Amino acid sequence: MTGSRSVKLSNNMKTNIKAWILLAPSLVFLLTFTVFPIIRSFYLGLTQFESGMRAPVFIGLENYLNFAKSALFWKIMGNTLYFSFLTVVPSMVIGLGLALIVNQKLRGVGFIRTSFFYPVIMPMIAIASIWMFIYMAESGMLDQLLIASGLKPLNVLSYRFTVIPAMSFMYVWKEAGYLMIFFLSGLQNISGEMYEAATIDGARPFTMFRKITLPLLAPTLLFVSTIALTNSIKLVDHIVIMTEGGPNNASTMLLYHIYQQGFAWFDQAKASALTVVMLVIMLGISMLQFVNADRRIHYN
């Protein structure tokens, strides 16, 4: 008995060693490019480390207290939440609608799927450049259409009331195709027998969508809502290209403000503190989503 146990232990040990050897390259990358930067950001967020300083000086929670007193910080947080409010639900609704369309047995459905997904594969910088041309004051496509219709040009990127809605429209156009893929995967995992049984019972399409499709898509909806919300918070490329935070910080959002602190004003401590704030927000959103919604979801 003792010999067999020792053999089992040695076999388990060999298996574990092989597993750790195979995992080692991924663990090195994870520790180097994820865990260490997070720990470094937590540390620098508690210091003062501006351009010209040789080493960071520990100041505790002073950076976070200054953020809490800053009107600019709360304005930026408001812009970020407003942008998320304008983009998350519309992109999910449109993504689900596109998935329902391409899930049908249509002629040329492959081309339709590619067309809907095409904006996703385009770099955000390229998309921002295209839409900046559309939104350009007076000479842009949007203002030219308004002038041709006898209306006044809007110049949407130059007014604080229109700049975030304009960028939100562009972002939904890009994001909906990305979310469509997840919804399409969820739809294709639903058994067709359920729809056949509902059809025999005389159920209408809207009733089947409400009673069958949405409940069985609940795990996908949970995942997609979390992805959509976190993606909307960590977006920065379009701001750099289109507005640079203007007018008067009306389009400055959290990640762009981190970029400003770290790479424009070279204040690594404040940039790190803001990064910690963003990480806490995203972690909190994910935990709330999974804790509250996961209890009401049935996984098949």
C-alpha atoms as a PDB file:
ATOM      1  CA  MET A   1       0.000   0.000   0.000  1.00  0.00           C
ATOM      2  CA  THR A   2       2.787   2.373   0.904  1.00  0.00           C
ATOM      3  CA  GLY A   3       4.578   1.675  -2.371  1.00  0.00           C
ATOM      4  CA  SER A   4       1.467   2.306  -4.468  1.00  0.00           C
ATOM      5  CA  ARG A   5       0.828   5.589  -2.656  1.00  0.00           C
ATOM      6  CA  SER A   6       4.390   6.759  -3.287  1.00  0.00           C
ATOM      7  CA  VAL A   7       4.046   5.837  -6.963  1.00  0.00           C
ATOM      8  CA  LYS A   8       0.800   7.835  -7.204  1.00  0.00           C
ATOM      9  CA  LEU A   9       2.411  10.815  -5.463  1.00  0.00           C
ATOM     10  CA  SER A  10       5.413  10.720  -7.789  1.00  0.00           C
ATOM     11  CA  ASN A  11       3.119  10.484 -10.839  1.00  0.00           C
ATOM     12  CA  ASN A  12       1.040  13.419  -9.585  1.00  0.00           C
ATOM     13  CA  MET A  13       4.192  15.399  -8.943  1.00  0.00           C
ATOM     14  CA  LYS A  14       5.465  14.707 -12.461  1.00  0.00           C
ATOM     15  CA  THR A  15       2.114  15.756 -13.905  1.00  0.00           C
ATOM     16  CA  ASN A  16       2.130  18.976 -11.867  1.00  0.00           C
ATOM     17  CA  ILE A  17       5.710  19.787 -12.879  1.00  0.00           C
ATOM     18  CA  LYS A  18       4.853  19.288 -16.564  1.00  0.00           C
ATOM     19  CA  ALA A  19       1.789  21.495 -16.164  1.00  0.00           C
ATOM     20  CA  TRP A  20       3.793  24.301 -14.514  1.00  0.00           C
ATOM     21  CA  ILE A  21       6.464  24.055 -17.214  1.00  0.00           C
ATOM     22  CA  LEU A  22       3.801  24.463 -19.909  1.00  0.00           C
ATOM     23  CA  LEU A  23       2.199  27.350 -18.023  1.00  0.00           C
ATOM     24  CA  ALA A  24       5.512  29.096 -17.278  1.00  0.00           C
ATOM     25  CA  PRO A  25       5.725  31.243 -20.478  1.00  0.00           C
ATOM     26  CA  SER A  26       2.163  32.529 -20.010  1.00  0.00           C
ATOM     27  CA  LEU A  27       2.776  33.153 -16.311  1.00  0.00           C
ATOM     28  CA  VAL A  28       5.920  35.153 -17.092  1.00  0.00           C
ATOM     29  CA  PHE A  29       4.004  37.378 -19.506  1.00  0.00           C
ATOM     30  CA  LEU A  30       1.095  37.697 -17.058  1.00  0.00           C
ATOM     31  CA  LEU A  31       3.334  38.687 -14.163  1.00  0.00           C
ATOM     32  CA  THR A  32       5.455  41.028 -16.279  1.00  0.00           C
ATOM     33  CA  PHE A  33       2.793  42.879 -18.244  1.00  0.00           C
ATOM     34  CA  THR A  34      -0.273  42.641 -15.968  1.00  0.00           C
ATOM     35  CA  VAL A  35       0.450  41.907 -12.308  1.00  0.00           C
ATOM     36  CA  PHE A  36       3.606  44.024 -11.952  1.00  0.00           C
ATOM     37  CA  PRO A  37       2.123  47.139 -13.680  1.00  0.00           C
ATOM     38  CA  ILE A  38      -0.953  46.928 -11.426  1.00  0.00           C
ATOM     39  CA  ILE A  39       1.172  46.695  -8.277  1.00  0.00           C
ATOM     40  CA  ARG A  40       3.393  49.501  -9.570  1.00  0.00           C
ATOM     41  CA  SER A  41       0.353  51.679 -10.244  1.00  0.00           C
ATOM     42  CA  PHE A  42      -0.988  51.101  -6.720  1.00  0.00           C
ATOM     43  CA  TYR A  43       2.383  52.141  -5.303  1.00  0.00           C
ATOM     44  CA  LEU A  44       2.901  55.211  -7.503  1.00  0.00           C
ATOM     45  CA  GLY A  45      -0.658  56.351  -6.792  1.00  0.00           C
ATOM     46  CA  LEU A  46       0.420  56.876  -3.183  1.00  0.00           C
ATOM     47  CA  THR A  47       3.385  59.058  -4.143  1.00  0.00           C
ATOM     48  CA  GLN A  48       4.341  62.331  -5.793  1.00  0.00           C
ATOM     49  CA  PHE A  49       6.377  61.651  -8.921  1.00  0.00           C
ATOM     50  CA  GLU A  50       6.397  64.462 -11.454  1.00  0.00           C
ATOM     51  CA  SER A  51       8.729  65.267 -14.332  1.00  0.00           C
ATOM     52  CA  GLY A  52      12.227  66.118 -13.094  1.00  0.00           C
ATOM     53  CA  MET A  53      11.999  64.157  -9.842  1.00  0.00           C
ATOM     54  CA  ARG A  54      14.600  61.423  -9.403  1.00  0.00           C
ATOM     55  CA  ALA A  55      12.445  59.201  -7.198  1.00  0.00           C
ATOM     56  CA  PRO A  56       8.829  59.128  -6.046  1.00  0.00           C
ATOM     57  CA  VAL A  57       7.973  60.672  -2.663  1.00  0.00           C
ATOM     58  CA  PHE A  58       5.382  58.882  -0.528  1.00  0.00           C
ATOM     59  CA  ILE A  59       2.369  61.116   0.243  1.00  0.00           C
ATOM     60  CA  GLY A  60      -0.309  58.553   1.117  1.00  0.00           C
ATOM     61  CA  LEU A  61      -3.836  59.193  -0.126  1.00  0.00           C
ATOM     62  CA  GLU A  62      -3.233  62.835  -1.048  1.00  0.00           C
ATOM     63  CA  ASN A  63      -3.701  62.237  -4.792  1.00  0.00           C
ATOM     64  CA  TYR A  64      -7.077  60.582  -4.215  1.00  0.00           C
ATOM     65  CA  LEU A  65      -8.195  63.335  -1.832  1.00  0.00           C
ATOM     66  CA  ASN A  66      -7.246  65.944  -4.423  1.00  0.00           C
ATOM     67  CA  PHE A  67      -9.323  64.099  -7.029  1.00  0.00           C
ATOM     68  CA  ALA A  68     -12.305  64.115  -4.686  1.00  0.00           C
ATOM     69  CA  LYS A  69     -12.002  67.915  -4.352  1.00  0.00           C
ATOM     70  CA  SER A  70     -11.403  68.530  -8.069  1.00  0.00           C
ATOM     71  CA  ALA A  71     -14.293  69.823 -10.172  1.00  0.00           C
ATOM     72  CA  LEU A  72     -12.421  68.705 -13.311  1.00  0.00           C
ATOM     73  CA  PHE A  73     -12.204  65.119 -12.052  1.00  0.00           C
ATOM     74  CA  TRP A  74     -15.953  64.924 -11.417  1.00  0.00           C
ATOM     75  CA  LYS A  75     -16.658  66.503 -14.784  1.00  0.00           C
ATOM     76  CA  ILE A  76     -14.514  63.832 -16.444  1.00  0.00           C
ATOM     77  CA  MET A  77     -16.287  61.092 -14.492  1.00  0.00           C
ATOM     78  CA  GLY A  78     -19.623  62.562 -15.585  1.00  0.00           C
ATOM     79  CA  ASN A  79     -18.484  62.580 -19.214  1.00  0.00           C
ATOM     80  CA  THR A  80     -17.406  58.936 -18.918  1.00  0.00           C
ATOM     81  CA  LEU A  81     -20.715  57.840 -17.415  1.00  0.00           C
ATOM     82  CA  TYR A  82     -22.680  59.873 -19.978  1.00  0.00           C
ATOM     83  CA  PHE A  83     -20.758  58.262 -22.835  1.00  0.00           C
ATOM     84  CA  SER A  84     -21.389  54.791 -21.367  1.00  0.00           C
ATOM     85  CA  PHE A  85     -25.083  55.589 -20.958  1.00  0.00           C
ATOM     86  CA  LEU A  86     -25.342  56.620 -24.623  1.00  0.00           C
ATOM     87  CA  THR A  87     -23.410  53.641 -25.999  1.00  0.00           C
ATOM     88  CA  VAL A  88     -23.883  50.471 -23.929  1.00  0.00           C
ATOM     89  CA  VAL A  89     -27.624  49.847 -24.308  1.00  0.00           C
ATOM     90  CA  PRO A  90     -27.887  51.008 -27.970  1.00  0.00           C
ATOM     91  CA  SER A  91     -24.902  48.906 -29.036  1.00  0.00           C
ATOM     92  CA  MET A  92     -26.349  45.863 -27.268  1.00  0.00           C
ATOM     93  CA  VAL A  93     -29.820  46.343 -28.756  1.00  0.00           C
ATOM     94  CA  ILE A  94     -28.466  46.871 -32.269  1.00  0.00           C
ATOM     95  CA  GLY A  95     -25.997  43.995 -31.853  1.00  0.00           C
ATOM     96  CA  LEU A  96     -28.824  41.661 -30.814  1.00  0.00           C
ATOM     97  CA  GLY A  97     -30.949  42.859 -33.735  1.00  0.00           C
ATOM     98  CA  LEU A  98     -28.121  42.219 -36.191  1.00  0.00           C
ATOM     99  CA  ALA A  99     -27.569  38.767 -34.688  1.00  0.00           C
ATOM    100  CA  LEU A 100     -31.253  37.927 -35.137  1.00  0.00           C
ATOM    101  CA  ILE A 101     -31.013  38.986 -38.792  1.00  0.00           C
ATOM    102  CA  VAL A 102     -27.861  37.031 -39.660  1.00  0.00           C
ATOM    103  CA  ASN A 103     -29.095  33.979 -37.741  1.00  0.00           C
ATOM    104  CA  GLN A 104     -31.785  33.494 -40.393  1.00  0.00           C
ATOM    105  CA  LYS A 105     -31.319  31.238 -43.408  1.00  0.00           C
ATOM    106  CA  LEU A 106     -30.999  34.038 -45.944  1.00  0.00           C
ATOM    107  CA  ARG A 107     -29.392  34.125 -49.352  1.00  0.00           C
ATOM    108  CA  GLY A 108     -25.978  35.777 -49.096  1.00  0.00           C
ATOM    109  CA  VAL A 109     -25.988  35.657 -45.283  1.00  0.00           C
ATOM    110  CA  GLY A 110     -22.179  35.332 -45.265  1.00  0.00           C
ATOM    111  CA  PHE A 111     -21.839  38.654 -47.075  1.00  0.00           C
ATOM    112  CA  ILE A 112     -24.343  40.264 -44.685  1.00  0.00           C
ATOM    113  CA  ARG A 113     -22.416  39.023 -41.650  1.00  0.00           C
ATOM    114  CA  THR A 114     -19.148  40.317 -43.098  1.00  0.00           C
ATOM    115  CA  SER A 115     -20.728  43.709 -43.815  1.00  0.00           C
ATOM    116  CA  PHE A 116     -22.012  44.072 -40.256  1.00  0.00           C
ATOM    117  CA  PHE A 117     -18.685  42.932 -38.783  1.00  0.00           C
ATOM    118  CA  TYR A 118     -16.449  45.003 -41.073  1.00  0.00           C
ATOM    119  CA  PRO A 119     -16.326  48.137 -38.829  1.00  0.00           C
ATOM    120  CA  VAL A 120     -14.979  45.969 -35.995  1.00  0.00           C
ATOM    121  CA  ILE A 121     -11.798  44.997 -37.834  1.00  0.00           C
ATOM    122  CA  MET A 122     -11.006  48.600 -38.741  1.00  0.00           C
ATOM    123  CA  PRO A 123      -8.596  50.370 -36.338  1.00  0.00           C
ATOM    124  CA  MET A 124     -10.303  52.916 -34.096  1.00  0.00           C
ATOM    125  CA  ILE A 125      -7.871  55.592 -35.311  1.00  0.00           C
ATOM    126  CA  ALA A 126      -8.967  55.022 -38.913  1.00  0.00           C
ATOM    127  CA  ILE A 127     -12.640  55.109 -37.939  1.00  0.00           C
ATOM    128  CA  ALA A 128     -12.142  58.302 -35.930  1.00  0.00           C
ATOM    129  CA  SER A 129     -10.429  59.924 -38.930  1.00  0.00           C
ATOM    130  CA  ILE A 130     -13.315  58.958 -41.223  1.00  0.00           C
ATOM    131  CA  TRP A 131     -15.962  60.252 -38.838  1.00  0.00           C
ATOM    132  CA  MET A 132     -13.994  63.422 -38.159  1.00  0.00           C
ATOM    133  CA  PHE A 133     -14.271  64.114 -41.887  1.00  0.00           C
ATOM    134  CA  ILE A 134     -18.041  63.483 -41.647  1.00  0.00           C
ATOM    135  CA  TYR A 135     -18.399  65.782 -38.617  1.00  0.00           C
ATOM    136  CA  MET A 136     -16.021  68.484 -39.897  1.00  0.00           C
ATOM    137  CA  ALA A 137     -17.396  72.010 -39.538  1.00  0.00           C
ATOM    138  CA  GLU A 138     -19.231  73.255 -42.655  1.00  0.00           C
ATOM    139  CA  SER A 139     -17.132  71.259 -45.148  1.00  0.00           C
ATOM    140  CA  GLY A 140     -17.932  67.893 -43.534  1.00  0.00           C
ATOM    141  CA  MET A 141     -20.516  65.507 -44.958  1.00  0.00           C
ATOM    142  CA  LEU A 142     -23.024  66.060 -42.138  1.00  0.00           C
ATOM    143  CA  ASP A 143     -22.949  69.848 -42.328  1.00  0.00           C
ATOM    144  CA  GLN A 144     -23.020  69.750 -46.123  1.00  0.00           C
ATOM    145  CA  LEU A 145     -26.198  67.644 -46.000  1.00  0.00           C
ATOM    146  CA  LEU A 146     -27.749  70.084 -43.544  1.00  0.00           C
ATOM    147  CA  ILE A 147     -26.804  73.073 -45.719  1.00  0.00           C
ATOM    148  CA  ALA A 148     -28.208  71.328 -48.809  1.00  0.00           C
ATOM    149  CA  SER A 149     -31.459  70.769 -46.880  1.00  0.00           C
ATOM    150  CA  GLY A 150     -31.687  74.477 -46.031  1.00  0.00           C
ATOM    151  CA  LEU A 151     -30.628  74.020 -42.391  1.00  0.00           C
ATOM    152  CA  LYS A 152     -27.796  75.545 -40.403  1.00  0.00           C
ATOM    153  CA  PRO A 153     -24.539  73.552 -39.995  1.00  0.00           C
ATOM    154  CA  LEU A 154     -24.207  71.971 -36.562  1.00  0.00           C
ATOM    155  CA  ASN A 155     -20.424  71.628 -36.179  1.00  0.00           C
ATOM    156  CA  VAL A 156     -21.142  68.916 -33.621  1.00  0.00           C
ATOM    157  CA  LEU A 157     -17.565  68.478 -32.368  1.00  0.00           C
ATOM    158  CA  SER A 158     -17.298  72.114 -31.271  1.00  0.00           C
ATOM    159  CA  TYR A 159     -20.249  72.289 -28.853  1.00  0.00           C
ATOM    160  CA  ARG A 160     -20.325  70.670 -25.427  1.00  0.00           C
ATOM    161  CA  PHE A 161     -23.931  69.512 -25.816  1.00  0.00           C
ATOM    162  CA  THR A 162     -23.314  67.636 -29.070  1.00  0.00           C
ATOM    163  CA  VAL A 163     -19.722  66.384 -28.919  1.00  0.00           C
ATOM    164  CA  ILE A 164     -20.314  63.286 -26.754  1.00  0.00           C
ATOM    165  CA  PRO A 165     -23.547  62.245 -28.554  1.00  0.00           C
ATOM    166  CA  ALA A 166     -21.695  62.564 -31.884  1.00  0.00           C
ATOM    167  CA  MET A 167     -18.836  60.357 -30.696  1.00  0.00           C
ATOM    168  CA  SER A 168     -21.315  57.942 -29.141  1.00  0.00           C
ATOM    169  CA  PHE A 169     -23.067  57.485 -32.494  1.00  0.00           C
ATOM    170  CA  MET A 170     -19.735  56.652 -34.100  1.00  0.00           C
ATOM    171  CA  TYR A 171     -18.822  54.204 -31.312  1.00  0.00           C
ATOM    172  CA  VAL A 172     -22.168  52.361 -31.506  1.00  0.00           C
ATOM    173  CA  TRP A 173     -21.677  51.995 -35.265  1.00  0.00           C
ATOM    174  CA  LYS A 174     -18.373  50.221 -34.586  1.00  0.00           C
ATOM    175  CA  GLU A 175     -19.272  48.281 -31.424  1.00  0.00           C
ATOM    176  CA  ALA A 176     -22.610  46.773 -32.533  1.00  0.00           C
ATOM    177  CA  GLY A 177     -20.948  44.369 -34.988  1.00  0.00           C
ATOM    178  CA  TYR A 178     -18.550  43.189 -32.284  1.00  0.00           C
ATOM    179  CA  LEU A 179     -21.385  42.422 -29.852  1.00  0.00           C
ATOM    180  CA  MET A 180     -23.325  40.775 -32.687  1.00  0.00           C
ATOM    181  CA  ILE A 181     -20.800  37.915 -32.739  1.00  0.00           C
ATOM    182  CA  PHE A 182     -21.470  37.007 -29.097  1.00  0.00           C
ATOM    183  CA  PHE A 183     -25.232  37.209 -29.536  1.00  0.00           C
ATOM    184  CA  LEU A 184     -25.035  35.098 -32.691  1.00  0.00           C
ATOM    185  CA  SER A 185     -23.081  32.436 -30.813  1.00  0.00           C
ATOM    186  CA  GLY A 186     -25.716  32.435 -28.069  1.00  0.00           C
ATOM    187  CA  LEU A 187     -28.573  32.195 -30.554  1.00  0.00           C
ATOM    188  CA  GLN A 188     -27.009  29.254 -32.345  1.00  0.00           C
ATOM    189  CA  ASN A 189     -26.726  27.351 -29.054  1.00  0.00           C
ATOM    190  CA  ILE A 190     -30.504  27.498 -28.543  1.00  0.00           C
ATOM    191  CA  SER A 191     -32.175  24.282 -29.671  1.00  0.00           C
ATOM    192  CA  GLY A 192     -34.497  24.694 -32.649  1.00  0.00           C
ATOM    193  CA  GLU A 193     -36.865  22.119 -31.131  1.00  0.00           C
ATOM    194  CA  MET A 194     -38.069  24.717 -28.641  1.00  0.00           C
ATOM    195  CA  TYR A 195     -39.137  27.063 -31.425  1.00  0.00           C
ATOM    196  CA  GLU A 196     -40.797  24.190 -33.295  1.00  0.00           C
ATOM    197  CA  ALA A 197     -42.794  23.233 -30.203  1.00  0.00           C
ATOM    198  CA  ALA A 198     -43.785  26.866 -29.622  1.00  0.00           C
ATOM    199  CA  THR A 199     -44.861  27.197 -33.258  1.00  0.00           C
ATOM    200  CA  ILE A 200     -47.053  24.091 -32.966  1.00  0.00           C
ATOM    201  CA  ASP A 201     -48.650  25.601 -29.852  1.00  0.00           C
ATOM    202  CA  GLY A 202     -49.473  28.729 -31.865  1.00  0.00           C
ATOM    203  CA  ALA A 203     -46.957  31.111 -30.291  1.00  0.00           C
ATOM    204  CA  ARG A 204     -46.223  34.309 -32.192  1.00  0.00           C
ATOM    205  CA  PRO A 205     -42.655  35.386 -33.080  1.00  0.00           C
ATOM    206  CA  PHE A 206     -42.568  38.169 -30.455  1.00  0.00           C
ATOM    207  CA  THR A 207     -43.842  35.769 -27.776  1.00  0.00           C
ATOM    208  CA  MET A 208     -41.135  33.236 -28.693  1.00  0.00           C
ATOM    209  CA  PHE A 209     -38.527  35.972 -28.551  1.00  0.00           C
ATOM    210  CA  ARG A 210     -39.717  37.100 -25.112  1.00  0.00           C
ATOM    211  CA  LYS A 211     -40.361  33.680 -23.590  1.00  0.00           C
ATOM    212  CA  ILE A 212     -37.640  31.554 -25.215  1.00  0.00           C
ATOM    213  CA  THR A 213     -34.868  33.629 -26.794  1.00  0.00           C
ATOM    214  CA  LEU A 214     -34.267  36.232 -24.086  1.00  0.00           C
ATOM    215  CA  PRO A 215     -34.303  33.818 -21.095  1.00  0.00           C
ATOM    216  CA  LEU A 216     -31.929  31.403 -22.827  1.00  0.00           C
ATOM    217  CA  LEU A 217     -29.690  34.299 -23.889  1.00  0.00           C
ATOM    218  CA  ALA A 218     -29.339  35.475 -20.270  1.00  0.00           C
ATOM    219  CA  PRO A 219     -25.745  34.182 -19.827  1.00  0.00           C
ATOM    220  CA  THR A 220     -24.752  35.845 -23.101  1.00  0.00           C
ATOM    221  CA  LEU A 221     -26.488  39.083 -22.094  1.00  0.00           C
ATOM    222  CA  LEU A 222     -24.578  39.086 -18.808  1.00  0.00           C
ATOM    223  CA  PHE A 223     -21.245  38.613 -20.546  1.00  0.00           C
ATOM    224  CA  VAL A 224     -21.993  41.121 -23.320  1.00  0.00           C
ATOM    225  CA  SER A 225     -23.232  43.807 -20.918  1.00  0.00           C
ATOM    226  CA  THR A 226     -20.032  43.524 -18.877  1.00  0.00           C
ATOM    227  CA  ILE A 227     -17.839  43.657 -21.972  1.00  0.00           C
ATOM    228  CA  ALA A 228     -19.777  46.593 -23.453  1.00  0.00           C
ATOM    229  CA  LEU A 229     -19.630  48.606 -20.239  1.00  0.00           C
ATOM    230  CA  THR A 230     -15.928  48.071 -19.595  1.00  0.00           C
ATOM    231  CA  ASN A 231     -15.081  48.769 -23.259  1.00  0.00           C
ATOM    232  CA  SER A 232     -16.920  52.090 -23.146  1.00  0.00           C
ATOM    233  CA  ILE A 233     -14.891  53.171 -20.107  1.00  0.00           C
ATOM    234  CA  LYS A 234     -11.459  52.256 -21.477  1.00  0.00           C
ATOM    235  CA  LEU A 235     -11.767  53.959 -24.867  1.00  0.00           C
ATOM    236  CA  VAL A 236      -9.300  56.723 -25.766  1.00  0.00           C
ATOM    237  CA  ASP A 237      -8.252  56.585 -29.443  1.00  0.00           C
ATOM    238  CA  HIS A 238     -11.200  58.536 -30.832  1.00  0.00           C
ATOM    239  CA  ILE A 239     -10.709  61.415 -28.389  1.00  0.00           C
ATOM    240  CA  VAL A 240      -7.043  61.816 -29.338  1.00  0.00           C
ATOM    241  CA  ILE A 241      -7.927  62.021 -33.028  1.00  0.00           C
ATOM    242  CA  MET A 242     -11.220  63.915 -32.981  1.00  0.00           C
ATOM    243  CA  THR A 243     -11.356  66.430 -30.108  1.00  0.00           C
ATOM    244  CA  GLU A 244      -8.353  66.137 -27.746  1.00  0.00           C
ATOM    245  CA  GLY A 245     -10.858  66.539 -24.915  1.00  0.00           C
ATOM    246  CA  GLY A 246     -12.419  69.751 -26.210  1.00  0.00           C
ATOM    247  CA  PRO A 247     -14.303  71.937 -26.162  1.00  0.00           C
ATOM    248  CA  ASN A 248     -13.318  72.936 -22.616  1.00  0.00           C
ATOM    249  CA  ASN A 249     -12.930  69.292 -21.479  1.00  0.00           C
ATOM    250  CA  ALA A 250     -16.495  68.501 -22.601  1.00  0.00           C
ATOM    251  CA  SER A 251     -15.288  65.272 -24.237  1.00  0.00           C
ATOM    252  CA  THR A 252     -12.444  64.400 -21.867  1.00  0.00           C
ATOM    253  CA  MET A 253     -12.994  60.954 -20.381  1.00  0.00           C
ATOM    254  CA  LEU A 254     -11.162  58.954 -17.752  1.00  0.00           C
ATOM    255  CA  LEU A 255      -8.656  57.040 -19.887  1.00  0.00           C
ATOM    256  CA  TYR A 256      -7.812  60.137 -21.942  1.00  0.00           C
ATOM    257  CA  HIS A 257      -7.203  62.063 -18.709  1.00  0.00           C
ATOM    258  CA  ILE A 258      -4.819  59.288 -17.642  1.00  0.00           C
ATOM    259  CA  TYR A 259      -3.044  59.711 -20.972  1.00  0.00           C
ATOM    260  CA  GLN A 260      -2.817  63.463 -20.385  1.00  0.00           C
ATOM    261  CA  GLN A 261      -1.375  63.080 -16.897  1.00  0.00           C
ATOM    262  CA  GLY A 262       1.155  60.441 -17.878  1.00  0.00           C
ATOM    263  CA  PHE A 263       2.290  61.431 -21.381  1.00  0.00           C
ATOM    264  CA  ALA A 264       1.402  65.113 -21.804  1.00  0.00           C
ATOM    265  CA  TRP A 265       2.093  66.463 -18.316  1.00  0.00           C
ATOM    266  CA  PHE A 266       4.484  63.649 -17.215  1.00  0.00           C
ATOM    267  CA  ASP A 267       2.890  63.233 -13.776  1.00  0.00           C
ATOM    268  CA  GLN A 268       3.285  59.500 -13.280  1.00  0.00           C
ATOM    269  CA  ALA A 269       1.852  59.513  -9.761  1.00  0.00           C
ATOM    270  CA  LYS A 270      -1.487  61.097 -10.723  1.00  0.00           C
ATOM    271  CA  ALA A 271      -1.695  58.950 -13.840  1.00  0.00           C
ATOM    272  CA  SER A 272      -1.179  55.848 -11.692  1.00  0.00           C
ATOM    273  CA  ALA A 273      -3.772  56.993  -9.150  1.00  0.00           C
ATOM    274  CA  LEU A 274      -6.299  57.560 -11.937  1.00  0.00           C
ATOM    275  CA  THR A 275      -5.461  54.125 -13.324  1.00  0.00           C
ATOM    276  CA  VAL A 276      -6.264  52.616  -9.929  1.00  0.00           C
ATOM    277  CA  VAL A 277      -9.580  54.496  -9.927  1.00  0.00           C
ATOM    278  CA  MET A 278     -10.410  53.071 -13.357  1.00  0.00           C
ATOM    279  CA  LEU A 279      -9.427  49.531 -12.305  1.00  0.00           C
ATOM    280  CA  VAL A 280     -11.608  49.769  -9.186  1.00  0.00           C
ATOM    281  CA  ILE A 281     -14.569  51.024 -11.232  1.00  0.00           C
ATOM    282  CA  MET A 282     -14.235  48.260 -13.820  1.00  0.00           C
ATOM    283  CA  LEU A 283     -13.780  45.597 -11.130  1.00  0.00           C
ATOM    284  CA  GLY A 284     -16.792  46.931  -9.239  1.00  0.00           C
ATOM    285  CA  ILE A 285     -18.938  46.901 -12.377  1.00  0.00           C
ATOM    286  CA  SER A 286     -17.945  43.325 -13.183  1.00  0.00           C
ATOM    287  CA  MET A 287     -18.595  42.108  -9.632  1.00  0.00           C
ATOM    288  CA  LEU A 288     -21.996  43.810  -9.436  1.00  0.00           C
ATOM    289  CA  GLN A 289     -22.987  42.391 -12.809  1.00  0.00           C
ATOM    290  CA  PHE A 290     -22.074  38.837 -11.912  1.00  0.00           C
ATOM    291  CA  VAL A 291     -23.295  38.888  -8.284  1.00  0.00           C
ATOM    292  CA  ASN A 292     -26.699  40.434  -9.047  1.00  0.00           C
ATOM    293  CA  ALA A 293     -27.464  38.911 -12.424  1.00  0.00           C
ATOM    294  CA  ASP A 294     -25.858  35.491 -12.060  1.00  0.00           C
ATOM    295  CA  ARG A 295     -28.402  34.433  -9.422  1.00  0.00           C
ATOM    296  CA  ARG A 296     -31.257  34.855 -11.893  1.00  0.00           C
ATOM    297  CA  ILE A 297     -29.554  33.016 -14.768  1.00  0.00           C
ATOM    298  CA  HIS A 298     -30.004  29.352 -15.542  1.00  0.00           C
ATOM    299  CA  TYR A 299     -27.139  27.756 -17.441  1.00  0.00           C
ATOM    300  CA  ASN A 300     -27.870  24.853 -19.760  1.00  0.00           C
END
